[in-house]
Amino acid sequence: MAPLHNPANLEGIVVVKKVASDVKQVAVFDTAFHSSMPKEAYLYAIPYEMYEKHKIRRYGFHGSSHSYVLKQVAKELNRSVPQLNIITLHLGNGASACAIENGKCIDTSMGFTPLEGLVMGSRSGDIDPAIVIYMQRELAFSFDEVDTILNKKSGLVGICGDNNVREIIESKDEKSKLALSMMVRRIQKYIGAYMALLGRVDAIVFTGGIGENSKYIRERVLGNSFFKDIKVLVIKTNEELEIANECLRV
């Protein structure tokens, strides 16, 4: 489900079981924060039995980050978590948006895997699913080749050959400009959609390596006058601390 992350996580679990079998392990799932999504948000419009038999549904990721940032926003605004309606944007090499209503996730951009949603460093984000069929049937790509293309050779890398946003911003190359415009446009589309779902938005929150450090990207995203009256916050995420706190809670 998360081919760039889960193999390393599972390897860590296996190694600890071998070298320290008496040590209790706690698995903190990045999907957990999104478990509050309503059924109409997490289901795909495919045969219902695909969900019932195979659990194919939207799970969402970056939950540790969105959860941590939510708590920091509550402190920043001097409000309780259940009072908050916010849109959180975790923008890094992997990127996701989250709509939070009354302190709970009601929608997020990543889906069955972290491949869905925003334009990312090397991941495509949203595409027409028929493209996958076309790549296999007409272009003779194997399953593994399609997986590699969409996860490791798409996104910013696929458009301009680079996933370092700082370097892409400084580049004069037309494809670099195009890649940034595509990334910004997709983020704006998700913000607009989540504003419609939430009705009232207390803040748009930027976090993650790009969200925290790239003023250029934040200004491009917020350049749409539709967002001009909404409070904007930049909050440094701390997924490791959120994971540690979850382990402590368990």
C-alpha atoms as a PDB file:
ATOM      1  CA  MET A   1       0.000   0.000   0.000  1.00  0.00           C
ATOM      2  CA  ALA A   2       2.886   2.365   0.725  1.00  0.00           C
ATOM      3  CA  PRO A   3       5.821   0.946  -1.277  1.00  0.00           C
ATOM      4  CA  LEU A   4       8.193   3.806  -0.479  1.00  0.00           C
ATOM      5  CA  HIS A   5       7.705   3.447   3.290  1.00  0.00           C
ATOM      6  CA  ASN A   6       6.277   0.162   4.536  1.00  0.00           C
ATOM      7  CA  PRO A   7       9.189  -2.157   3.570  1.00  0.00           C
ATOM      8  CA  ALA A   8      11.571  -0.171   5.776  1.00  0.00           C
ATOM      9  CA  ASN A   9       9.035  -0.023   8.623  1.00  0.00           C
ATOM     10  CA  LEU A  10       8.451  -3.781   8.464  1.00  0.00           C
ATOM     11  CA  GLU A  11      12.189  -4.460   8.364  1.00  0.00           C
ATOM     12  CA  GLY A  12      12.587  -2.466  11.575  1.00  0.00           C
ATOM     13  CA  ILE A  13       9.898  -4.562  13.271  1.00  0.00           C
ATOM     14  CA  VAL A  14      11.546  -7.823  12.147  1.00  0.00           C
ATOM     15  CA  VAL A  15      15.010  -6.741  13.307  1.00  0.00           C
ATOM     16  CA  VAL A  16      13.787  -5.673  16.757  1.00  0.00           C
ATOM     17  CA  LYS A  17      11.949  -8.980  17.172  1.00  0.00           C
ATOM     18  CA  LYS A  18      15.249 -10.773  16.485  1.00  0.00           C
ATOM     19  CA  VAL A  19      17.629  -8.696  18.612  1.00  0.00           C
ATOM     20  CA  ALA A  20      15.298  -7.579  21.412  1.00  0.00           C
ATOM     21  CA  SER A  21      12.361  -9.961  21.473  1.00  0.00           C
ATOM     22  CA  ASP A  22      11.370  -8.903  24.997  1.00  0.00           C
ATOM     23  CA  VAL A  23      10.890  -5.249  24.000  1.00  0.00           C
ATOM     24  CA  LYS A  24       7.290  -4.218  23.420  1.00  0.00           C
ATOM     25  CA  GLN A  25       6.697  -2.665  20.005  1.00  0.00           C
ATOM     26  CA  VAL A  26       3.967  -0.178  19.136  1.00  0.00           C
ATOM     27  CA  ALA A  27       2.932   0.369  15.517  1.00  0.00           C
ATOM     28  CA  VAL A  28       1.582   3.877  14.942  1.00  0.00           C
ATOM     29  CA  PHE A  29      -0.356   3.972  11.689  1.00  0.00           C
ATOM     30  CA  ASP A  30      -0.280   7.063   9.518  1.00  0.00           C
ATOM     31  CA  THR A  31      -3.819   6.180   8.473  1.00  0.00           C
ATOM     32  CA  ALA A  32      -5.323   6.293  11.984  1.00  0.00           C
ATOM     33  CA  PHE A  33      -6.091  10.028  12.085  1.00  0.00           C
ATOM     34  CA  HIS A  34      -8.213   9.651   8.946  1.00  0.00           C
ATOM     35  CA  SER A  35     -10.405   6.867  10.374  1.00  0.00           C
ATOM     36  CA  SER A  36     -13.043   9.500  11.206  1.00  0.00           C
ATOM     37  CA  MET A  37     -13.816  10.079   7.510  1.00  0.00           C
ATOM     38  CA  PRO A  38     -17.464   9.355   6.668  1.00  0.00           C
ATOM     39  CA  LYS A  39     -18.263   6.502   4.319  1.00  0.00           C
ATOM     40  CA  GLU A  40     -19.062   8.833   1.436  1.00  0.00           C
ATOM     41  CA  ALA A  41     -15.515  10.184   1.731  1.00  0.00           C
ATOM     42  CA  TYR A  42     -13.559   6.960   2.038  1.00  0.00           C
ATOM     43  CA  LEU A  43     -15.401   4.762  -0.467  1.00  0.00           C
ATOM     44  CA  TYR A  44     -14.565   4.660  -4.168  1.00  0.00           C
ATOM     45  CA  ALA A  45     -17.390   4.480  -6.702  1.00  0.00           C
ATOM     46  CA  ILE A  46     -16.433   0.958  -7.752  1.00  0.00           C
ATOM     47  CA  PRO A  47     -18.393  -2.270  -7.072  1.00  0.00           C
ATOM     48  CA  TYR A  48     -19.214  -2.291  -3.352  1.00  0.00           C
ATOM     49  CA  GLU A  49     -17.966  -5.844  -2.972  1.00  0.00           C
ATOM     50  CA  MET A  50     -14.434  -4.586  -3.711  1.00  0.00           C
ATOM     51  CA  TYR A  51     -14.651  -2.804  -0.370  1.00  0.00           C
ATOM     52  CA  GLU A  52     -16.422  -5.632   1.445  1.00  0.00           C
ATOM     53  CA  LYS A  53     -14.164  -8.450   0.217  1.00  0.00           C
ATOM     54  CA  HIS A  54     -10.846  -6.703  -0.406  1.00  0.00           C
ATOM     55  CA  LYS A  55     -10.989  -3.557   1.769  1.00  0.00           C
ATOM     56  CA  ILE A  56     -10.303  -1.306  -1.229  1.00  0.00           C
ATOM     57  CA  ARG A  57     -11.107   2.163   0.105  1.00  0.00           C
ATOM     58  CA  ARG A  58      -9.424   5.472   0.830  1.00  0.00           C
ATOM     59  CA  TYR A  59      -7.231   5.323   3.943  1.00  0.00           C
ATOM     60  CA  GLY A  60      -5.234   8.544   3.817  1.00  0.00           C
ATOM     61  CA  PHE A  61      -1.682   9.055   5.057  1.00  0.00           C
ATOM     62  CA  HIS A  62       0.464  11.694   6.804  1.00  0.00           C
ATOM     63  CA  GLY A  63      -1.973  11.290   9.687  1.00  0.00           C
ATOM     64  CA  SER A  64       0.733  11.788  12.321  1.00  0.00           C
ATOM     65  CA  SER A  65       1.603  15.148  10.801  1.00  0.00           C
ATOM     66  CA  HIS A  66      -1.974  16.369  10.330  1.00  0.00           C
ATOM     67  CA  SER A  67      -2.815  15.300  13.897  1.00  0.00           C
ATOM     68  CA  TYR A  68       0.202  17.069  15.404  1.00  0.00           C
ATOM     69  CA  VAL A  69      -0.424  20.255  13.447  1.00  0.00           C
ATOM     70  CA  LEU A  70      -4.088  20.305  14.489  1.00  0.00           C
ATOM     71  CA  LYS A  71      -3.091  20.369  18.164  1.00  0.00           C
ATOM     72  CA  GLN A  72      -0.585  23.153  17.532  1.00  0.00           C
ATOM     73  CA  VAL A  73      -3.231  25.221  15.742  1.00  0.00           C
ATOM     74  CA  ALA A  74      -5.516  24.845  18.775  1.00  0.00           C
ATOM     75  CA  LYS A  75      -2.756  26.311  20.964  1.00  0.00           C
ATOM     76  CA  GLU A  76      -2.010  29.070  18.447  1.00  0.00           C
ATOM     77  CA  LEU A  77      -5.636  30.164  18.190  1.00  0.00           C
ATOM     78  CA  ASN A  78      -6.412  29.495  21.859  1.00  0.00           C
ATOM     79  CA  ARG A  79      -9.283  27.199  20.881  1.00  0.00           C
ATOM     80  CA  SER A  80     -10.106  23.624  21.777  1.00  0.00           C
ATOM     81  CA  VAL A  81      -9.474  20.997  19.113  1.00  0.00           C
ATOM     82  CA  PRO A  82     -13.220  20.152  18.684  1.00  0.00           C
ATOM     83  CA  GLN A  83     -13.906  23.814  17.863  1.00  0.00           C
ATOM     84  CA  LEU A  84     -11.629  23.884  14.842  1.00  0.00           C
ATOM     85  CA  ASN A  85     -12.429  23.753  11.131  1.00  0.00           C
ATOM     86  CA  ILE A  86      -9.098  23.874   9.290  1.00  0.00           C
ATOM     87  CA  ILE A  87      -7.399  22.787   6.074  1.00  0.00           C
ATOM     88  CA  THR A  88      -3.942  21.351   6.674  1.00  0.00           C
ATOM     89  CA  LEU A  89      -1.416  21.084   3.852  1.00  0.00           C
ATOM     90  CA  HIS A  90       1.537  18.770   4.434  1.00  0.00           C
ATOM     91  CA  LEU A  91       3.802  19.728   1.553  1.00  0.00           C
ATOM     92  CA  GLY A  92       7.070  17.871   1.118  1.00  0.00           C
ATOM     93  CA  ASN A  93       8.422  15.316  -1.320  1.00  0.00           C
ATOM     94  CA  GLY A  94       5.232  13.515  -0.383  1.00  0.00           C
ATOM     95  CA  ALA A  95       2.262  15.857  -0.056  1.00  0.00           C
ATOM     96  CA  SER A  96      -1.304  15.685   1.186  1.00  0.00           C
ATOM     97  CA  ALA A  97      -4.205  17.942   2.108  1.00  0.00           C
ATOM     98  CA  CYS A  98      -6.675  17.309   4.912  1.00  0.00           C
ATOM     99  CA  ALA A  99     -10.091  18.782   5.699  1.00  0.00           C
ATOM    100  CA  ILE A 100     -10.679  18.856   9.457  1.00  0.00           C
ATOM    101  CA  GLU A 101     -14.142  19.615  10.813  1.00  0.00           C
ATOM    102  CA  ASN A 102     -14.727  20.008  14.542  1.00  0.00           C
ATOM    103  CA  GLY A 103     -11.277  18.570  15.155  1.00  0.00           C
ATOM    104  CA  LYS A 104     -11.796  15.421  13.054  1.00  0.00           C
ATOM    105  CA  CYS A 105     -10.673  14.497   9.565  1.00  0.00           C
ATOM    106  CA  ILE A 106     -13.577  14.398   7.130  1.00  0.00           C
ATOM    107  CA  ASP A 107     -11.531  14.138   3.920  1.00  0.00           C
ATOM    108  CA  THR A 108      -7.938  13.862   2.763  1.00  0.00           C
ATOM    109  CA  SER A 109      -6.189  13.820  -0.594  1.00  0.00           C
ATOM    110  CA  MET A 110      -4.244  10.550  -0.330  1.00  0.00           C
ATOM    111  CA  GLY A 111      -6.320   7.430  -0.822  1.00  0.00           C
ATOM    112  CA  PHE A 112      -5.864   3.644  -0.964  1.00  0.00           C
ATOM    113  CA  THR A 113      -2.147   4.422  -1.206  1.00  0.00           C
ATOM    114  CA  PRO A 114      -0.061   7.608  -0.855  1.00  0.00           C
ATOM    115  CA  LEU A 115      -0.092   7.912  -4.655  1.00  0.00           C
ATOM    116  CA  GLU A 116      -3.450   9.699  -4.890  1.00  0.00           C
ATOM    117  CA  GLY A 117      -3.965  13.456  -4.558  1.00  0.00           C
ATOM    118  CA  LEU A 118      -1.502  16.311  -4.922  1.00  0.00           C
ATOM    119  CA  VAL A 119       1.380  16.556  -7.394  1.00  0.00           C
ATOM    120  CA  MET A 120       4.406  15.348  -5.410  1.00  0.00           C
ATOM    121  CA  GLY A 121       8.167  15.054  -5.792  1.00  0.00           C
ATOM    122  CA  SER A 122       8.105  11.811  -7.752  1.00  0.00           C
ATOM    123  CA  ARG A 123       4.449  10.689  -7.451  1.00  0.00           C
ATOM    124  CA  SER A 124       1.797  11.566  -9.999  1.00  0.00           C
ATOM    125  CA  GLY A 125      -1.112  12.305  -7.666  1.00  0.00           C
ATOM    126  CA  ASP A 126      -4.567  12.225  -9.279  1.00  0.00           C
ATOM    127  CA  ILE A 127      -4.695  10.814 -12.799  1.00  0.00           C
ATOM    128  CA  ASP A 128      -7.337   9.206 -15.006  1.00  0.00           C
ATOM    129  CA  PRO A 129      -7.215   5.521 -13.901  1.00  0.00           C
ATOM    130  CA  ALA A 130      -7.580   4.459 -17.528  1.00  0.00           C
ATOM    131  CA  ILE A 131      -4.030   5.710 -18.090  1.00  0.00           C
ATOM    132  CA  VAL A 132      -2.805   2.708 -16.102  1.00  0.00           C
ATOM    133  CA  ILE A 133      -4.789   0.354 -18.348  1.00  0.00           C
ATOM    134  CA  TYR A 134      -3.468   2.144 -21.433  1.00  0.00           C
ATOM    135  CA  MET A 135       0.143   1.871 -20.235  1.00  0.00           C
ATOM    136  CA  GLN A 136      -0.255  -1.873 -19.763  1.00  0.00           C
ATOM    137  CA  ARG A 137      -2.391  -2.762 -22.769  1.00  0.00           C
ATOM    138  CA  GLU A 138      -1.083  -0.365 -25.424  1.00  0.00           C
ATOM    139  CA  LEU A 139       2.456   0.406 -24.251  1.00  0.00           C
ATOM    140  CA  ALA A 140       3.193  -3.079 -22.860  1.00  0.00           C
ATOM    141  CA  PHE A 141       4.449  -1.867 -19.482  1.00  0.00           C
ATOM    142  CA  SER A 142       4.533  -4.497 -16.753  1.00  0.00           C
ATOM    143  CA  PHE A 143       2.811  -4.051 -13.379  1.00  0.00           C
ATOM    144  CA  ASP A 144       6.168  -3.265 -11.765  1.00  0.00           C
ATOM    145  CA  GLU A 145       7.068  -0.760 -14.473  1.00  0.00           C
ATOM    146  CA  VAL A 146       3.775   1.097 -14.017  1.00  0.00           C
ATOM    147  CA  ASP A 147       4.285   1.099 -10.252  1.00  0.00           C
ATOM    148  CA  THR A 148       7.799   2.537 -10.653  1.00  0.00           C
ATOM    149  CA  ILE A 149       6.700   5.182 -13.158  1.00  0.00           C
ATOM    150  CA  LEU A 150       3.816   6.468 -11.030  1.00  0.00           C
ATOM    151  CA  ASN A 151       5.662   6.367  -7.689  1.00  0.00           C
ATOM    152  CA  LYS A 152       9.238   7.232  -8.609  1.00  0.00           C
ATOM    153  CA  LYS A 153       9.310   8.851 -12.052  1.00  0.00           C
ATOM    154  CA  SER A 154       6.255  11.125 -12.050  1.00  0.00           C
ATOM    155  CA  GLY A 155       5.238  14.309 -10.224  1.00  0.00           C
ATOM    156  CA  LEU A 156       7.818  17.087 -10.399  1.00  0.00           C
ATOM    157  CA  VAL A 157      10.516  14.620 -11.508  1.00  0.00           C
ATOM    158  CA  GLY A 158       8.345  13.485 -14.399  1.00  0.00           C
ATOM    159  CA  ILE A 159       7.710  17.015 -15.646  1.00  0.00           C
ATOM    160  CA  CYS A 160      11.072  18.730 -15.152  1.00  0.00           C
ATOM    161  CA  GLY A 161      13.490  16.018 -14.020  1.00  0.00           C
ATOM    162  CA  ASP A 162      13.980  17.393 -10.494  1.00  0.00           C
ATOM    163  CA  ASN A 163      12.160  17.142  -7.171  1.00  0.00           C
ATOM    164  CA  ASN A 164      14.151  19.808  -5.295  1.00  0.00           C
ATOM    165  CA  VAL A 165      11.636  22.644  -5.131  1.00  0.00           C
ATOM    166  CA  ARG A 166      14.271  25.215  -4.183  1.00  0.00           C
ATOM    167  CA  GLU A 167      16.245  24.405  -7.348  1.00  0.00           C
ATOM    168  CA  ILE A 168      13.105  24.233  -9.488  1.00  0.00           C
ATOM    169  CA  ILE A 169      12.063  27.713  -8.315  1.00  0.00           C
ATOM    170  CA  GLU A 170      15.484  29.121  -9.244  1.00  0.00           C
ATOM    171  CA  SER A 171      15.510  27.422 -12.643  1.00  0.00           C
ATOM    172  CA  LYS A 172      14.637  29.404 -15.780  1.00  0.00           C
ATOM    173  CA  ASP A 173      13.629  26.252 -17.623  1.00  0.00           C
ATOM    174  CA  GLU A 174      10.058  26.294 -18.959  1.00  0.00           C
ATOM    175  CA  LYS A 175       9.367  22.759 -17.742  1.00  0.00           C
ATOM    176  CA  SER A 176      10.394  23.796 -14.232  1.00  0.00           C
ATOM    177  CA  LYS A 177       7.900  26.660 -14.349  1.00  0.00           C
ATOM    178  CA  LEU A 178       5.251  24.268 -15.662  1.00  0.00           C
ATOM    179  CA  ALA A 179       5.918  21.734 -12.899  1.00  0.00           C
ATOM    180  CA  LEU A 180       5.461  24.393 -10.202  1.00  0.00           C
ATOM    181  CA  SER A 181       2.284  25.688 -11.816  1.00  0.00           C
ATOM    182  CA  MET A 182       0.847  22.172 -11.925  1.00  0.00           C
ATOM    183  CA  MET A 183       1.708  21.585  -8.263  1.00  0.00           C
ATOM    184  CA  VAL A 184       0.224  24.916  -7.147  1.00  0.00           C
ATOM    185  CA  ARG A 185      -2.936  24.471  -9.226  1.00  0.00           C
ATOM    186  CA  ARG A 186      -3.616  21.045  -7.708  1.00  0.00           C
ATOM    187  CA  ILE A 187      -3.174  22.392  -4.163  1.00  0.00           C
ATOM    188  CA  GLN A 188      -5.567  25.266  -4.913  1.00  0.00           C
ATOM    189  CA  LYS A 189      -8.165  22.837  -6.268  1.00  0.00           C
ATOM    190  CA  TYR A 190      -8.078  20.804  -3.069  1.00  0.00           C
ATOM    191  CA  ILE A 191      -8.301  23.894  -0.869  1.00  0.00           C
ATOM    192  CA  GLY A 192     -11.342  25.079  -2.825  1.00  0.00           C
ATOM    193  CA  ALA A 193     -13.004  21.664  -2.585  1.00  0.00           C
ATOM    194  CA  TYR A 194     -12.379  21.458   1.156  1.00  0.00           C
ATOM    195  CA  MET A 195     -13.720  24.968   1.697  1.00  0.00           C
ATOM    196  CA  ALA A 196     -16.959  23.783   0.090  1.00  0.00           C
ATOM    197  CA  LEU A 197     -17.090  20.741   2.393  1.00  0.00           C
ATOM    198  CA  LEU A 198     -16.285  22.657   5.576  1.00  0.00           C
ATOM    199  CA  GLY A 199     -18.305  25.824   5.022  1.00  0.00           C
ATOM    200  CA  ARG A 200     -16.413  27.687   7.756  1.00  0.00           C
ATOM    201  CA  VAL A 201     -12.613  27.615   7.619  1.00  0.00           C
ATOM    202  CA  ASP A 202     -10.720  28.932  10.642  1.00  0.00           C
ATOM    203  CA  ALA A 203      -7.289  28.582   9.055  1.00  0.00           C
ATOM    204  CA  ILE A 204      -5.290  27.200   6.162  1.00  0.00           C
ATOM    205  CA  VAL A 205      -2.188  25.583   7.635  1.00  0.00           C
ATOM    206  CA  PHE A 206       1.092  24.905   5.822  1.00  0.00           C
ATOM    207  CA  THR A 207       3.508  22.301   7.143  1.00  0.00           C
ATOM    208  CA  GLY A 208       6.141  19.861   5.853  1.00  0.00           C
ATOM    209  CA  GLY A 209       9.493  20.749   4.295  1.00  0.00           C
ATOM    210  CA  ILE A 210       8.043  22.783   1.422  1.00  0.00           C
ATOM    211  CA  GLY A 211       5.039  24.119   3.319  1.00  0.00           C
ATOM    212  CA  GLU A 212       7.202  25.405   6.160  1.00  0.00           C
ATOM    213  CA  ASN A 213      10.178  26.699   4.194  1.00  0.00           C
ATOM    214  CA  SER A 214       8.978  27.874   0.785  1.00  0.00           C
ATOM    215  CA  LYS A 215       7.429  31.314   1.025  1.00  0.00           C
ATOM    216  CA  TYR A 216       7.293  31.322  -2.776  1.00  0.00           C
ATOM    217  CA  ILE A 217       5.003  28.261  -2.905  1.00  0.00           C
ATOM    218  CA  ARG A 218       2.783  29.578  -0.110  1.00  0.00           C
ATOM    219  CA  GLU A 219       2.346  32.909  -1.889  1.00  0.00           C
ATOM    220  CA  ARG A 220       1.607  31.188  -5.198  1.00  0.00           C
ATOM    221  CA  VAL A 221      -1.008  28.966  -3.572  1.00  0.00           C
ATOM    222  CA  LEU A 222      -2.640  31.861  -1.734  1.00  0.00           C
ATOM    223  CA  GLY A 223      -2.524  34.152  -4.779  1.00  0.00           C
ATOM    224  CA  ASN A 224      -6.152  33.312  -5.531  1.00  0.00           C
ATOM    225  CA  SER A 225      -8.387  36.055  -4.100  1.00  0.00           C
ATOM    226  CA  PHE A 226     -10.867  33.351  -3.079  1.00  0.00           C
ATOM    227  CA  PHE A 227      -8.611  32.624  -0.088  1.00  0.00           C
ATOM    228  CA  LYS A 228      -7.847  36.232   0.914  1.00  0.00           C
ATOM    229  CA  ASP A 229     -10.021  36.431   4.051  1.00  0.00           C
ATOM    230  CA  ILE A 230      -8.854  33.153   5.601  1.00  0.00           C
ATOM    231  CA  LYS A 231      -6.229  33.061   8.363  1.00  0.00           C
ATOM    232  CA  VAL A 232      -2.970  31.415   7.263  1.00  0.00           C
ATOM    233  CA  LEU A 233      -0.599  29.625   9.618  1.00  0.00           C
ATOM    234  CA  VAL A 234       2.817  28.048   9.061  1.00  0.00           C
ATOM    235  CA  ILE A 235       3.531  25.359  11.644  1.00  0.00           C
ATOM    236  CA  LYS A 236       6.564  23.101  11.851  1.00  0.00           C
ATOM    237  CA  THR A 237       5.417  19.511  12.034  1.00  0.00           C
ATOM    238  CA  ASN A 238       6.888  16.940  14.401  1.00  0.00           C
ATOM    239  CA  GLU A 239       5.759  13.486  13.350  1.00  0.00           C
ATOM    240  CA  GLU A 240       8.345  11.798  15.576  1.00  0.00           C
ATOM    241  CA  LEU A 241       6.943  13.539  18.670  1.00  0.00           C
ATOM    242  CA  GLU A 242       3.385  12.651  17.662  1.00  0.00           C
ATOM    243  CA  ILE A 243       4.428   9.002  17.270  1.00  0.00           C
ATOM    244  CA  ALA A 244       6.209   9.059  20.640  1.00  0.00           C
ATOM    245  CA  ASN A 245       3.145  10.557  22.324  1.00  0.00           C
ATOM    246  CA  GLU A 246       0.904   7.910  20.752  1.00  0.00           C
ATOM    247  CA  CYS A 247       3.222   5.174  22.042  1.00  0.00           C
ATOM    248  CA  LEU A 248       3.167   6.762  25.492  1.00  0.00           C
ATOM    249  CA  ARG A 249      -0.640   6.924  25.374  1.00  0.00           C
ATOM    250  CA  VAL A 250      -0.813   3.187  24.537  1.00  0.00           C
END
